[in-house]
């Protein structure tokens, strides 16, 4: 996803700006929408990963507590 986003912003976007032809306006708009969708997906994935990491840390902490209780 990140590679695709980088490709779109580095290569496709500048290329689209070079074209000011009204006939290409639709294609340009579609590419810009794709860039925005990729950015949104990336943000959602980053949020999901952050929540997953937090839950894994909580789970690891709970396991440690259970191990300590079991050793009593």
N, C-alpha and C. Protein backbone atom coordinates (compact mmCIF):
# COMPACT_ATOMS: atom_id res chain seq x y z
N UNK A 1 0.83 -1.19 0.00
CA UNK A 1 0.00 0.00 0.00
C UNK A 1 0.88 1.25 0.00
N UNK A 2 1.87 1.26 0.86
CA UNK A 2 2.76 2.41 0.93
C UNK A 2 3.51 2.61 -0.37
N UNK A 3 3.97 1.52 -0.96
CA UNK A 3 4.67 1.61 -2.25
C UNK A 3 3.76 2.19 -3.32
N UNK A 4 2.52 1.73 -3.33
CA UNK A 4 1.57 2.23 -4.34
C UNK A 4 1.29 3.71 -4.12
N UNK A 5 1.14 4.12 -2.86
CA UNK A 5 0.90 5.52 -2.55
C UNK A 5 2.10 6.37 -2.97
N UNK A 6 3.29 5.91 -2.66
CA UNK A 6 4.49 6.65 -3.05
C UNK A 6 4.60 6.77 -4.56
N UNK A 7 4.29 5.70 -5.26
CA UNK A 7 4.34 5.72 -6.72
C UNK A 7 3.36 6.75 -7.27
N UNK A 8 2.15 6.74 -6.72
CA UNK A 8 1.12 7.65 -7.21
C UNK A 8 1.52 9.10 -6.96
N UNK A 9 2.05 9.41 -5.79
CA UNK A 9 2.35 10.80 -5.46
C UNK A 9 3.63 11.28 -6.14
N UNK A 10 4.61 10.41 -6.29
CA UNK A 10 5.88 10.83 -6.90
C UNK A 10 5.82 10.87 -8.41
N UNK A 11 5.17 9.91 -9.02
CA UNK A 11 5.21 9.79 -10.47
C UNK A 11 3.94 10.25 -11.17
N UNK A 12 2.82 9.75 -10.71
CA UNK A 12 1.58 10.03 -11.43
C UNK A 12 1.10 11.47 -11.23
N UNK A 13 1.16 11.96 -10.02
CA UNK A 13 0.62 13.29 -9.76
C UNK A 13 1.35 14.38 -10.56
N UNK A 14 2.69 14.44 -10.51
CA UNK A 14 3.37 15.47 -11.32
C UNK A 14 3.09 15.31 -12.82
N UNK A 15 3.00 14.08 -13.25
CA UNK A 15 2.72 13.83 -14.66
C UNK A 15 1.34 14.38 -15.04
N UNK A 16 0.39 14.19 -14.13
CA UNK A 16 -0.96 14.69 -14.40
C UNK A 16 -1.00 16.21 -14.45
N UNK A 17 -0.20 16.85 -13.61
CA UNK A 17 -0.20 18.31 -13.59
C UNK A 17 0.33 18.89 -14.90
N UNK A 18 1.17 18.13 -15.58
CA UNK A 18 1.70 18.60 -16.86
C UNK A 18 0.60 18.70 -17.91
N UNK A 19 -0.41 17.88 -17.75
CA UNK A 19 -1.50 17.85 -18.72
C UNK A 19 -2.59 18.82 -18.30
N UNK A 20 -2.79 19.85 -19.06
CA UNK A 20 -3.87 20.79 -18.77
C UNK A 20 -4.98 20.65 -19.80
N UNK A 21 -4.93 19.56 -20.54
CA UNK A 21 -5.91 19.28 -21.59
C UNK A 21 -7.25 18.92 -20.94
N UNK A 22 -8.33 19.62 -21.30
CA UNK A 22 -9.64 19.32 -20.72
C UNK A 22 -10.08 17.87 -20.94
N UNK A 23 -9.62 17.26 -22.01
CA UNK A 23 -9.99 15.87 -22.27
C UNK A 23 -9.40 14.93 -21.23
N UNK A 24 -8.32 15.34 -20.63
CA UNK A 24 -7.67 14.50 -19.63
C UNK A 24 -8.12 14.82 -18.21
N UNK A 25 -9.02 15.78 -18.08
CA UNK A 25 -9.47 16.21 -16.75
C UNK A 25 -10.11 15.05 -15.98
N UNK A 26 -10.88 14.22 -16.66
CA UNK A 26 -11.52 13.10 -15.98
C UNK A 26 -10.48 12.11 -15.45
N UNK A 27 -9.49 11.79 -16.28
CA UNK A 27 -8.43 10.87 -15.84
C UNK A 27 -7.65 11.48 -14.68
N UNK A 28 -7.40 12.77 -14.77
CA UNK A 28 -6.68 13.45 -13.71
C UNK A 28 -7.47 13.38 -12.40
N UNK A 29 -8.75 13.63 -12.48
CA UNK A 29 -9.62 13.57 -11.30
C UNK A 29 -9.63 12.16 -10.71
N UNK A 30 -9.71 11.16 -11.56
CA UNK A 30 -9.71 9.76 -11.09
C UNK A 30 -8.41 9.43 -10.37
N UNK A 31 -7.29 9.90 -10.90
CA UNK A 31 -6.00 9.63 -10.26
C UNK A 31 -5.91 10.33 -8.90
N UNK A 32 -6.41 11.55 -8.83
CA UNK A 32 -6.39 12.27 -7.55
C UNK A 32 -7.28 11.57 -6.52
N UNK A 33 -8.41 11.05 -6.97
CA UNK A 33 -9.27 10.28 -6.06
C UNK A 33 -8.56 9.03 -5.57
N UNK A 34 -7.84 8.37 -6.46
CA UNK A 34 -7.09 7.17 -6.09
C UNK A 34 -6.04 7.51 -5.03
N UNK A 35 -5.36 8.63 -5.21
CA UNK A 35 -4.36 9.06 -4.23
C UNK A 35 -5.01 9.27 -2.87
N UNK A 36 -6.14 9.95 -2.86
CA UNK A 36 -6.84 10.20 -1.59
C UNK A 36 -7.31 8.89 -0.95
N UNK A 37 -7.81 7.96 -1.75
CA UNK A 37 -8.24 6.67 -1.22
C UNK A 37 -7.06 5.92 -0.60
N UNK A 38 -5.92 5.96 -1.27
CA UNK A 38 -4.74 5.29 -0.74
C UNK A 38 -4.29 5.92 0.58
N UNK A 39 -4.36 7.23 0.65
CA UNK A 39 -4.00 7.91 1.89
C UNK A 39 -4.94 7.51 3.02
N UNK A 40 -6.24 7.43 2.71
CA UNK A 40 -7.22 7.03 3.72
C UNK A 40 -6.98 5.59 4.17
N UNK A 41 -6.70 4.70 3.22
CA UNK A 41 -6.42 3.30 3.57
C UNK A 41 -5.18 3.20 4.45
N UNK A 42 -4.17 3.98 4.10
CA UNK A 42 -2.93 3.97 4.88
C UNK A 42 -3.20 4.44 6.31
N UNK A 43 -3.97 5.51 6.45
CA UNK A 43 -4.32 6.01 7.79
C UNK A 43 -5.10 4.97 8.58
N UNK A 44 -6.05 4.31 7.93
CA UNK A 44 -6.84 3.28 8.60
C UNK A 44 -5.96 2.12 9.03
N UNK A 45 -5.04 1.71 8.17
CA UNK A 45 -4.15 0.60 8.52
C UNK A 45 -3.21 0.99 9.66
N UNK A 46 -2.73 2.23 9.66
CA UNK A 46 -1.88 2.68 10.75
C UNK A 46 -2.65 2.68 12.07
N UNK A 47 -3.90 3.12 12.03
CA UNK A 47 -4.74 3.11 13.24
C UNK A 47 -4.96 1.68 13.72
N UNK A 48 -5.29 0.78 12.79
CA UNK A 48 -5.52 -0.62 13.14
C UNK A 48 -4.27 -1.23 13.77
N UNK A 49 -3.11 -0.95 13.20
CA UNK A 49 -1.86 -1.48 13.73
C UNK A 49 -1.59 -0.93 15.13
N UNK A 50 -1.86 0.35 15.32
CA UNK A 50 -1.64 0.97 16.64
C UNK A 50 -2.54 0.31 17.70
N UNK A 51 -3.81 0.11 17.37
CA UNK A 51 -4.74 -0.54 18.30
C UNK A 51 -4.31 -1.97 18.57
N UNK A 52 -3.91 -2.69 17.54
CA UNK A 52 -3.45 -4.06 17.69
C UNK A 52 -2.23 -4.13 18.60
N UNK A 53 -1.26 -3.23 18.39
CA UNK A 53 -0.07 -3.20 19.23
C UNK A 53 -0.43 -2.92 20.69
N UNK A 54 -1.36 -1.98 20.91
CA UNK A 54 -1.78 -1.67 22.28
C UNK A 54 -2.43 -2.88 22.94
N UNK A 55 -3.27 -3.58 22.19
CA UNK A 55 -3.93 -4.76 22.74
C UNK A 55 -2.94 -5.88 23.03
N UNK A 56 -1.95 -6.03 22.17
CA UNK A 56 -0.92 -7.05 22.42
C UNK A 56 -0.12 -6.73 23.68
N UNK A 57 0.17 -5.45 23.89
CA UNK A 57 0.89 -5.05 25.09
C UNK A 57 0.06 -5.32 26.34
N UNK A 58 -1.24 -5.02 26.27
CA UNK A 58 -2.13 -5.29 27.41
C UNK A 58 -2.19 -6.78 27.69
N UNK A 59 -2.31 -7.57 26.63
CA UNK A 59 -2.38 -9.02 26.78
C UNK A 59 -1.10 -9.56 27.41
N UNK A 60 0.04 -9.05 26.97
CA UNK A 60 1.31 -9.50 27.54
C UNK A 60 1.38 -9.14 29.02
N UNK A 61 0.89 -7.97 29.38
CA UNK A 61 0.87 -7.56 30.78
C UNK A 61 -0.02 -8.46 31.61
N UNK A 62 -1.18 -8.82 31.07
CA UNK A 62 -2.10 -9.71 31.79
C UNK A 62 -1.50 -11.09 31.97
N UNK A 63 -0.82 -11.58 30.96
CA UNK A 63 -0.17 -12.90 31.07
C UNK A 63 0.85 -12.90 32.19
N UNK A 64 1.62 -11.82 32.27
CA UNK A 64 2.63 -11.73 33.32
C UNK A 64 1.98 -11.75 34.69
N UNK A 65 0.88 -11.03 34.86
CA UNK A 65 0.17 -11.02 36.13
C UNK A 65 -0.34 -12.42 36.46
N UNK A 66 -0.93 -13.10 35.47
CA UNK A 66 -1.44 -14.46 35.70
C UNK A 66 -0.32 -15.43 36.07
N UNK A 67 0.82 -15.28 35.44
CA UNK A 67 1.97 -16.14 35.76
C UNK A 67 2.42 -15.89 37.19
N UNK A 68 2.48 -14.62 37.57
CA UNK A 68 2.90 -14.29 38.94
C UNK A 68 1.90 -14.82 39.96
N UNK A 69 0.61 -14.72 39.66
CA UNK A 69 -0.42 -15.24 40.57
C UNK A 69 -0.31 -16.76 40.66
N UNK A 70 -0.10 -17.42 39.54
CA UNK A 70 -0.02 -18.88 39.52
C UNK A 70 1.20 -19.39 40.28
N UNK A 71 2.26 -18.60 40.33
CA UNK A 71 3.48 -19.01 41.02
C UNK A 71 3.38 -18.88 42.54
N UNK A 72 2.35 -18.25 43.05
CA UNK A 72 2.20 -18.06 44.50
C UNK A 72 1.96 -19.35 45.20
